[in-house]
Amino acid sequence: MTSNPQRKWEKKLRKAKTEEQTKKAEAMLKVLRPYPPSPPKKKNTKESDEDVFNEAQKYNKQHFKDKQQKEKQDKEVKKRSLNKVKRYNKIYHDKKVKEEQDIENMKYIELEYNKKQKQKQEFLDNVQNHKATMKVENTDKLDFIHDIIHQRTNKNKKKTKKLYNKFIHKEATMIELAIRGYMDEHNVSYEEASHKFYLQMKEPKVRSPDPEHLQILDNCAKL
């Protein structure tokens, strides 16, 4: 036996054999069964023209706002990208300029070095030429100087040779400096200055090494 009245009368309704039993069971169930909830009232789905306009305007405003926001973000991204490219290009350009400048500086240094080396070698070559010329054109005078140096060094051959060669080198160097000075002063070529100098060398008397000069050479040899 069930204790639920509703289920009890549902069972009796199923087993009813007479019309009276059926009606009675249905009447009892009608009382016992809960009323079904009333369906919600349907909203009026028909919107007015004003509502539609307001909704469309609201959508357009939001859409415009979103579009502006997106455009702003895109501009910022593009700006950052362009700034990044500019910075990279500047770094690359500065690096390239520096490398080119370093190359130019190295070329200039190398040219200047080669130029100075060439000038130095030309100077030394000219000094050697002056030595050779002196030994040919001033043999007697140089022999006289050699004898004086030999006497002042107490006939020490090694020291005499050293001082004599130093004297010859110094005289040849003075000749070269004098020729270059004449070039600069008169703005003439080396050949013309050299020719003028040697012409003058033949006219004046030959200098002889005085004691003070020999003492200087002696001191130089001791260094």
Protein backbone atom coordinates (compact mmCIF):
# COMPACT_ATOMS: atom_id res chain seq x y z
CA MET A 1 0.00 0.00 0.00
CA THR A 2 1.33 3.42 -0.91
CA SER A 3 1.21 6.35 1.43
CA ASN A 4 1.13 8.90 -1.41
CA PRO A 5 -2.54 9.81 -2.08
CA GLN A 6 -1.81 10.98 -5.62
CA ARG A 7 -0.09 7.75 -6.53
CA LYS A 8 -2.86 5.81 -4.82
CA TRP A 9 -5.59 7.36 -6.96
CA GLU A 10 -3.44 7.10 -10.10
CA LYS A 11 -3.28 3.36 -9.40
CA LYS A 12 -7.04 3.21 -8.86
CA LEU A 13 -7.56 5.09 -12.12
CA ARG A 14 -5.52 2.51 -13.97
CA LYS A 15 -7.44 -0.36 -12.39
CA ALA A 16 -10.92 1.20 -12.63
CA LYS A 17 -13.45 -1.19 -14.16
CA THR A 18 -16.52 0.91 -14.10
CA GLU A 19 -17.24 4.41 -15.32
CA GLU A 20 -18.09 5.49 -11.81
CA GLN A 21 -14.72 4.35 -10.51
CA THR A 22 -12.99 6.16 -13.32
CA LYS A 23 -14.82 9.44 -12.69
CA LYS A 24 -14.16 9.26 -8.99
CA ALA A 25 -10.45 8.61 -9.48
CA GLU A 26 -10.15 11.47 -11.99
CA ALA A 27 -11.98 13.82 -9.62
CA MET A 28 -9.64 12.95 -6.78
CA LEU A 29 -6.56 13.31 -8.94
CA LYS A 30 -7.77 16.68 -10.14
CA VAL A 31 -7.82 17.82 -6.54
CA LEU A 32 -4.54 16.15 -5.56
CA ARG A 33 -2.44 17.09 -8.61
CA PRO A 34 -0.75 20.52 -8.42
CA TYR A 35 -1.82 23.08 -10.91
CA PRO A 36 0.70 23.52 -13.72
CA PRO A 37 2.47 26.85 -13.63
CA SER A 38 0.88 29.42 -15.78
CA PRO A 39 2.96 30.11 -18.87
CA PRO A 40 4.85 33.41 -18.78
CA LYS A 41 3.27 36.21 -20.60
CA LYS A 42 4.89 36.74 -23.93
CA LYS A 43 6.71 39.96 -24.27
CA ASN A 44 5.82 42.25 -27.00
CA THR A 45 8.66 41.55 -29.42
CA LYS A 46 7.61 44.25 -31.73
CA GLU A 47 9.99 47.21 -31.11
CA SER A 48 9.13 50.73 -31.94
CA ASP A 49 11.03 52.69 -34.60
CA GLU A 50 12.55 54.83 -31.87
CA ASP A 51 13.91 51.76 -30.05
CA VAL A 52 15.40 50.43 -33.28
CA PHE A 53 16.99 53.83 -34.01
CA ASN A 54 18.40 54.11 -30.49
CA GLU A 55 19.80 50.58 -30.64
CA ALA A 56 21.39 51.25 -34.02
CA GLN A 57 22.86 54.53 -32.79
CA LYS A 58 24.23 52.81 -29.70
CA TYR A 59 25.80 50.11 -31.88
CA ASN A 60 27.32 52.68 -34.22
CA LYS A 61 28.81 54.63 -31.32
CA GLN A 62 30.37 51.52 -29.84
CA HIS A 63 31.59 50.39 -33.26
CA PHE A 64 33.11 53.82 -33.93
CA LYS A 65 34.73 53.84 -30.52
CA ASP A 66 36.20 50.34 -31.06
CA LYS A 67 37.40 51.39 -34.51
CA GLN A 68 39.10 54.50 -33.09
CA GLN A 69 40.73 52.42 -30.36
CA LYS A 70 42.00 49.90 -32.89
CA GLU A 71 43.32 52.63 -35.19
CA LYS A 72 45.10 54.25 -32.22
CA GLN A 73 46.68 50.94 -31.24
CA ASP A 74 47.70 50.27 -34.87
CA LYS A 75 49.29 53.73 -35.08
CA GLU A 76 51.23 53.17 -31.87
CA VAL A 77 52.44 49.76 -33.07
CA LYS A 78 53.41 51.26 -36.43
CA LYS A 79 55.15 54.19 -34.71
CA ARG A 80 57.14 51.88 -32.44
CA SER A 81 58.05 49.75 -35.45
CA LEU A 82 59.20 52.80 -37.44
CA ASN A 83 61.21 54.12 -34.49
CA LYS A 84 62.84 50.72 -34.12
CA VAL A 85 63.72 50.68 -37.83
CA LYS A 86 65.08 54.25 -37.58
CA ARG A 87 67.23 53.36 -34.59
CA TYR A 88 68.54 50.27 -36.37
CA ASN A 89 69.26 52.24 -39.54
CA LYS A 90 71.04 54.96 -37.55
CA ILE A 91 73.15 52.41 -35.68
CA TYR A 92 73.98 50.64 -38.95
CA HIS A 93 74.73 53.97 -40.69
CA ASP A 94 76.93 55.23 -37.85
CA LYS A 95 78.77 51.92 -37.73
CA LYS A 96 79.30 51.95 -41.49
CA VAL A 97 80.48 55.59 -41.42
CA LYS A 98 82.89 54.78 -38.58
CA GLU A 99 84.25 51.76 -40.44
CA GLU A 100 84.72 53.83 -43.60
CA GLN A 101 86.36 56.61 -41.58
CA ASP A 102 88.66 54.11 -39.89
CA ILE A 103 89.62 52.71 -43.29
CA GLU A 104 90.27 56.23 -44.61
CA ASN A 105 92.32 57.07 -41.52
CA MET A 106 94.36 53.91 -41.91
CA LYS A 107 94.93 54.69 -45.58
CA TYR A 108 95.98 58.23 -44.67
CA ILE A 109 98.30 57.00 -41.92
CA GLU A 110 99.78 54.42 -44.27
CA LEU A 111 100.27 57.02 -47.01
CA GLU A 112 101.84 59.46 -44.56
CA TYR A 113 104.09 56.74 -43.18
CA ASN A 114 105.17 55.65 -46.66
CA LYS A 115 105.67 59.28 -47.62
CA LYS A 116 107.88 59.95 -44.58
CA GLN A 117 109.77 56.71 -45.14
CA LYS A 118 110.33 57.66 -48.76
CA GLN A 119 111.46 61.16 -47.77
CA LYS A 120 113.75 59.71 -45.11
CA GLN A 121 115.23 57.26 -47.61
CA GLU A 122 115.66 60.03 -50.19
CA PHE A 123 117.41 62.13 -47.56
CA LEU A 124 119.77 59.28 -46.65
CA ASP A 125 120.41 58.48 -50.32
CA ASN A 126 121.25 62.14 -50.98
CA VAL A 127 123.59 62.20 -47.97
CA GLN A 128 125.37 59.14 -49.36
CA ASN A 129 125.67 60.88 -52.73
CA HIS A 130 127.16 63.94 -51.05
CA LYS A 131 129.67 61.70 -49.29
CA ALA A 132 130.70 60.16 -52.59
CA THR A 133 130.97 63.61 -54.23
CA MET A 134 133.05 64.96 -51.33
CA LYS A 135 135.46 62.03 -51.55
CA VAL A 136 135.93 62.59 -55.28
CA GLU A 137 136.12 66.39 -55.41
CA ASN A 138 137.80 67.05 -52.06
CA THR A 139 140.24 64.18 -51.72
CA ASP A 140 143.21 66.29 -50.64
CA LYS A 141 141.21 68.30 -48.14
CA LEU A 142 139.63 65.19 -46.64
CA ASP A 143 143.04 63.55 -46.38
CA PHE A 144 144.24 66.59 -44.47
CA ILE A 145 141.25 66.33 -42.10
CA HIS A 146 141.87 62.60 -41.68
CA ASP A 147 145.50 63.30 -40.69
CA ILE A 148 144.45 65.89 -38.10
CA ILE A 149 141.92 63.48 -36.56
CA HIS A 150 144.53 60.73 -36.59
CA GLN A 151 146.97 62.92 -34.66
CA ARG A 152 144.32 64.06 -32.15
CA THR A 153 143.39 60.43 -31.38
CA ASN A 154 147.03 59.49 -30.81
CA LYS A 155 147.05 57.53 -34.07
CA ASN A 156 144.28 55.21 -32.91
CA LYS A 157 143.09 53.75 -36.24
CA LYS A 158 139.74 52.49 -35.00
CA LYS A 159 138.88 55.75 -33.28
CA THR A 160 140.22 57.77 -36.20
CA LYS A 161 138.03 55.88 -38.67
CA LYS A 162 134.96 56.29 -36.46
CA LEU A 163 135.46 60.04 -36.00
CA TYR A 164 136.37 60.55 -39.65
CA ASN A 165 133.23 58.77 -40.87
CA LYS A 166 131.14 60.73 -38.36
CA PHE A 167 132.69 63.95 -39.63
CA ILE A 168 132.04 63.01 -43.27
CA HIS A 169 128.44 62.02 -42.45
CA LYS A 170 127.84 65.26 -40.59
CA GLU A 171 129.29 67.37 -43.41
CA ALA A 172 127.18 65.51 -46.00
CA THR A 173 124.08 65.96 -43.82
CA MET A 174 124.78 69.70 -43.52
CA ILE A 175 125.09 69.90 -47.32
CA GLU A 176 121.71 68.17 -47.75
CA LEU A 177 120.04 70.47 -45.21
CA ALA A 178 121.57 73.51 -46.91
CA ILE A 179 120.26 72.39 -50.31
CA ARG A 180 116.76 71.81 -48.92
CA GLY A 181 116.87 75.21 -47.22
CA TYR A 182 117.79 76.82 -50.55
CA MET A 183 114.88 74.99 -52.21
CA ASP A 184 112.37 76.34 -49.70
CA GLU A 185 113.77 79.85 -49.70
CA HIS A 186 113.92 80.27 -53.49
CA ASN A 187 111.11 77.85 -54.40
CA VAL A 188 113.22 75.89 -56.88
CA SER A 189 113.67 72.21 -57.66
CA TYR A 190 116.12 69.99 -55.78
CA GLU A 191 118.33 69.67 -58.87
CA GLU A 192 118.62 73.44 -59.28
CA ALA A 193 119.30 74.00 -55.56
CA SER A 194 121.92 71.25 -55.56
CA HIS A 195 123.63 72.73 -58.63
CA LYS A 196 123.72 76.22 -57.06
CA PHE A 197 125.10 74.88 -53.79
CA TYR A 198 127.94 72.92 -55.39
CA LEU A 199 128.92 75.93 -57.47
CA GLN A 200 129.25 77.93 -54.27
CA MET A 201 131.19 75.11 -52.63
CA LYS A 202 133.96 75.48 -55.18
CA GLU A 203 134.47 79.17 -54.51
CA PRO A 204 135.03 79.60 -50.73
CA LYS A 205 137.97 78.17 -48.83
CA VAL A 206 137.61 74.77 -47.30
CA ARG A 207 136.75 74.64 -43.64
CA SER A 208 139.22 72.80 -41.47
CA PRO A 209 138.14 71.12 -38.28
CA ASP A 210 139.11 73.34 -35.37
CA PRO A 211 139.91 71.85 -31.94
CA GLU A 212 136.43 72.62 -30.65
CA HIS A 213 134.88 70.81 -33.63
CA LEU A 214 137.07 67.79 -33.05
CA GLN A 215 136.22 67.80 -29.34
CA ILE A 216 132.52 67.69 -30.22
CA LEU A 217 133.10 64.77 -32.57
CA ASP A 218 135.15 63.04 -29.90
CA ASN A 219 132.35 63.44 -27.38
CA CYS A 220 129.82 62.08 -29.90
CA ALA A 221 131.98 59.04 -30.49
CA LYS A 222 132.05 58.32 -26.75
CA LEU A 223 128.24 58.21 -26.54
